[in-house]
N, C-alpha and C. Protein backbone atom coordinates (compact mmCIF):
# COMPACT_ATOMS: atom_id res chain seq x y z
N UNK A 1 43.93 -60.61 254.90
CA UNK A 1 45.33 -60.84 255.52
C UNK A 1 45.78 -60.15 256.46
N UNK A 2 46.39 -60.59 257.59
CA UNK A 2 46.64 -59.99 258.56
C UNK A 2 48.17 -59.30 258.50
N UNK A 3 48.50 -58.45 259.60
CA UNK A 3 49.78 -57.96 259.50
C UNK A 3 50.89 -58.93 259.89
N UNK A 4 52.10 -58.87 259.42
CA UNK A 4 53.00 -59.81 259.90
C UNK A 4 53.30 -59.80 261.41
N UNK A 5 53.80 -60.78 262.05
CA UNK A 5 54.25 -60.88 263.25
C UNK A 5 55.68 -60.00 263.57
N UNK A 6 55.77 -59.35 264.56
CA UNK A 6 57.02 -58.74 264.95
C UNK A 6 57.93 -59.61 265.31
N UNK A 7 59.19 -59.45 264.94
CA UNK A 7 60.32 -60.38 265.36
C UNK A 7 61.09 -59.75 266.35
N UNK A 8 61.38 -60.38 267.51
CA UNK A 8 62.09 -59.78 268.53
C UNK A 8 63.23 -60.55 268.83
N UNK A 9 64.35 -60.11 269.27
CA UNK A 9 65.71 -60.73 269.54
C UNK A 9 65.98 -60.69 270.98
N UNK A 10 66.47 -61.63 271.58
CA UNK A 10 66.78 -61.57 272.98
C UNK A 10 65.61 -61.12 273.80
N UNK A 11 64.55 -61.54 273.68
CA UNK A 11 63.41 -61.28 274.46
C UNK A 11 62.89 -62.47 275.20
N UNK A 12 62.55 -62.08 276.58
CA UNK A 12 62.17 -63.12 277.27
C UNK A 12 60.85 -62.64 278.01
N UNK A 13 59.86 -63.44 278.45
CA UNK A 13 58.70 -63.10 278.94
C UNK A 13 58.14 -64.13 280.00
N UNK A 14 57.45 -63.45 280.89
CA UNK A 14 56.85 -64.32 282.11
C UNK A 14 55.40 -63.98 281.97
N UNK A 15 54.58 -65.05 281.98
CA UNK A 15 53.06 -64.68 282.00
C UNK A 15 52.43 -65.23 283.25
N UNK A 16 51.54 -64.31 283.81
CA UNK A 16 50.92 -64.87 285.11
C UNK A 16 49.32 -64.81 284.90
N UNK A 17 48.78 -65.69 285.24
CA UNK A 17 47.36 -65.81 284.99
C UNK A 17 46.67 -66.09 286.13
N UNK A 18 45.52 -65.45 286.48
CA UNK A 18 44.86 -65.55 287.69
C UNK A 18 43.30 -65.64 287.29
N UNK A 19 42.48 -66.53 287.82
CA UNK A 19 41.01 -66.45 287.39
C UNK A 19 40.27 -67.14 288.56
N UNK A 20 39.00 -66.63 288.77
CA UNK A 20 38.03 -66.99 289.64
C UNK A 20 36.94 -67.67 289.08
N UNK A 21 36.39 -68.73 289.49
CA UNK A 21 35.41 -69.25 288.60
C UNK A 21 34.37 -69.79 289.88
N UNK A 22 33.31 -70.08 289.30
CA UNK A 22 32.07 -70.53 290.21
C UNK A 22 31.81 -71.81 289.67
N UNK A 23 31.38 -72.84 290.58
CA UNK A 23 31.20 -74.17 290.26
C UNK A 23 29.75 -74.49 289.77
N UNK A 24 28.81 -73.83 290.46
CA UNK A 24 27.41 -74.07 290.19
C UNK A 24 26.67 -72.74 290.24
N UNK A 25 26.28 -72.37 289.20
CA UNK A 25 26.49 -72.65 287.73
C UNK A 25 27.82 -72.43 287.23
N UNK A 26 28.25 -73.30 286.33
CA UNK A 26 29.70 -73.00 285.89
C UNK A 26 29.92 -71.97 285.26
N UNK A 27 30.78 -70.97 285.69
CA UNK A 27 31.17 -69.78 284.81
C UNK A 27 32.29 -69.00 285.61
N UNK A 28 33.00 -68.34 284.66
CA UNK A 28 34.23 -67.63 285.21
C UNK A 28 33.77 -66.22 285.58
N UNK A 29 34.16 -65.97 286.85
CA UNK A 29 34.02 -64.73 287.34
C UNK A 29 34.80 -63.49 287.05
N UNK A 30 36.19 -63.82 287.03
CA UNK A 30 37.03 -62.69 286.58
C UNK A 30 38.17 -63.60 285.98
N UNK A 31 39.09 -63.00 285.14
CA UNK A 31 40.41 -63.14 284.63
C UNK A 31 41.26 -62.04 284.64
N UNK A 32 42.47 -62.21 285.53
CA UNK A 32 43.41 -61.29 285.70
C UNK A 32 44.81 -61.73 284.96
N UNK A 33 45.53 -61.09 284.30
CA UNK A 33 46.71 -61.39 283.71
C UNK A 33 47.75 -60.38 283.74
N UNK A 34 49.01 -60.82 283.79
CA UNK A 34 50.28 -60.04 283.75
C UNK A 34 51.30 -60.56 282.83
N UNK A 35 51.89 -59.86 281.96
CA UNK A 35 52.91 -60.12 281.07
C UNK A 35 54.26 -59.28 281.37
N UNK A 36 55.17 -59.81 281.78
CA UNK A 36 56.48 -59.12 282.04
C UNK A 36 57.43 -59.44 280.93
N UNK A 37 57.96 -58.51 280.25
CA UNK A 37 58.83 -58.81 279.11
C UNK A 37 60.25 -58.12 279.48
N UNK A 38 61.12 -58.78 279.35
CA UNK A 38 62.56 -58.19 279.47
C UNK A 38 63.20 -58.38 278.01
N UNK A 39 63.62 -57.27 277.47
CA UNK A 39 64.13 -57.15 276.28
C UNK A 39 65.04 -55.97 275.98
N UNK A 40 66.12 -56.20 275.02
CA UNK A 40 66.95 -55.01 274.60
C UNK A 40 66.41 -54.07 273.52
N UNK A 41 65.20 -54.40 272.99
CA UNK A 41 64.52 -53.84 271.83
C UNK A 41 64.29 -52.24 272.10
N UNK A 42 64.19 -51.51 271.20
CA UNK A 42 64.04 -49.98 271.42
C UNK A 42 62.59 -49.74 271.88
N UNK A 43 62.41 -48.90 272.58
CA UNK A 43 61.15 -48.46 273.11
C UNK A 43 59.90 -48.56 272.07
N UNK A 44 60.00 -48.20 270.87
CA UNK A 44 59.03 -48.00 269.85
C UNK A 44 58.63 -49.38 269.68
N UNK A 45 59.51 -50.37 269.39
CA UNK A 45 59.09 -51.69 269.25
C UNK A 45 58.32 -52.34 270.34
N UNK A 46 58.72 -51.89 271.58
CA UNK A 46 58.03 -52.36 272.90
C UNK A 46 56.68 -51.95 272.71
N UNK A 47 56.59 -50.70 272.41
CA UNK A 47 55.17 -49.89 272.23
C UNK A 47 54.19 -50.74 271.39
N UNK A 48 54.81 -51.12 270.26
CA UNK A 48 54.18 -51.98 269.12
C UNK A 48 53.72 -53.20 269.73
N UNK A 49 54.44 -53.94 270.39
CA UNK A 49 54.31 -55.11 271.24
C UNK A 49 53.21 -54.92 272.11
N UNK A 50 53.24 -53.92 272.85
CA UNK A 50 52.08 -53.57 273.90
C UNK A 50 50.76 -53.33 273.30
N UNK A 51 50.82 -52.75 272.07
CA UNK A 51 49.58 -52.47 271.44
C UNK A 51 49.01 -53.80 270.83
N UNK A 52 49.86 -54.73 270.39
CA UNK A 52 49.25 -56.07 269.78
C UNK A 52 48.83 -56.91 271.02
N UNK A 53 49.46 -56.90 272.03
CA UNK A 53 48.84 -57.73 273.17
C UNK A 53 47.63 -57.13 273.81
N UNK A 54 47.48 -55.55 273.90
CA UNK A 54 46.31 -55.10 274.54
C UNK A 54 45.22 -55.24 273.49
C-alpha cells in the first residue's frame, strides 16, 4: 500500500516538456521538463511535493 497523496489548496502549476527524438531508428534522445508551482502552502509542504516529483 502506497503513501496517501498530499492535498494542496490554491495550488497552480504549469508544466513544460521538451524532448528530442530520432526518426530512424526510432528513439528518444533526451527529455527535459520543468514544473512551475505557485502556492500559498508552507515551505515544508512544498519540499514534500518536490520530493515526490523528483
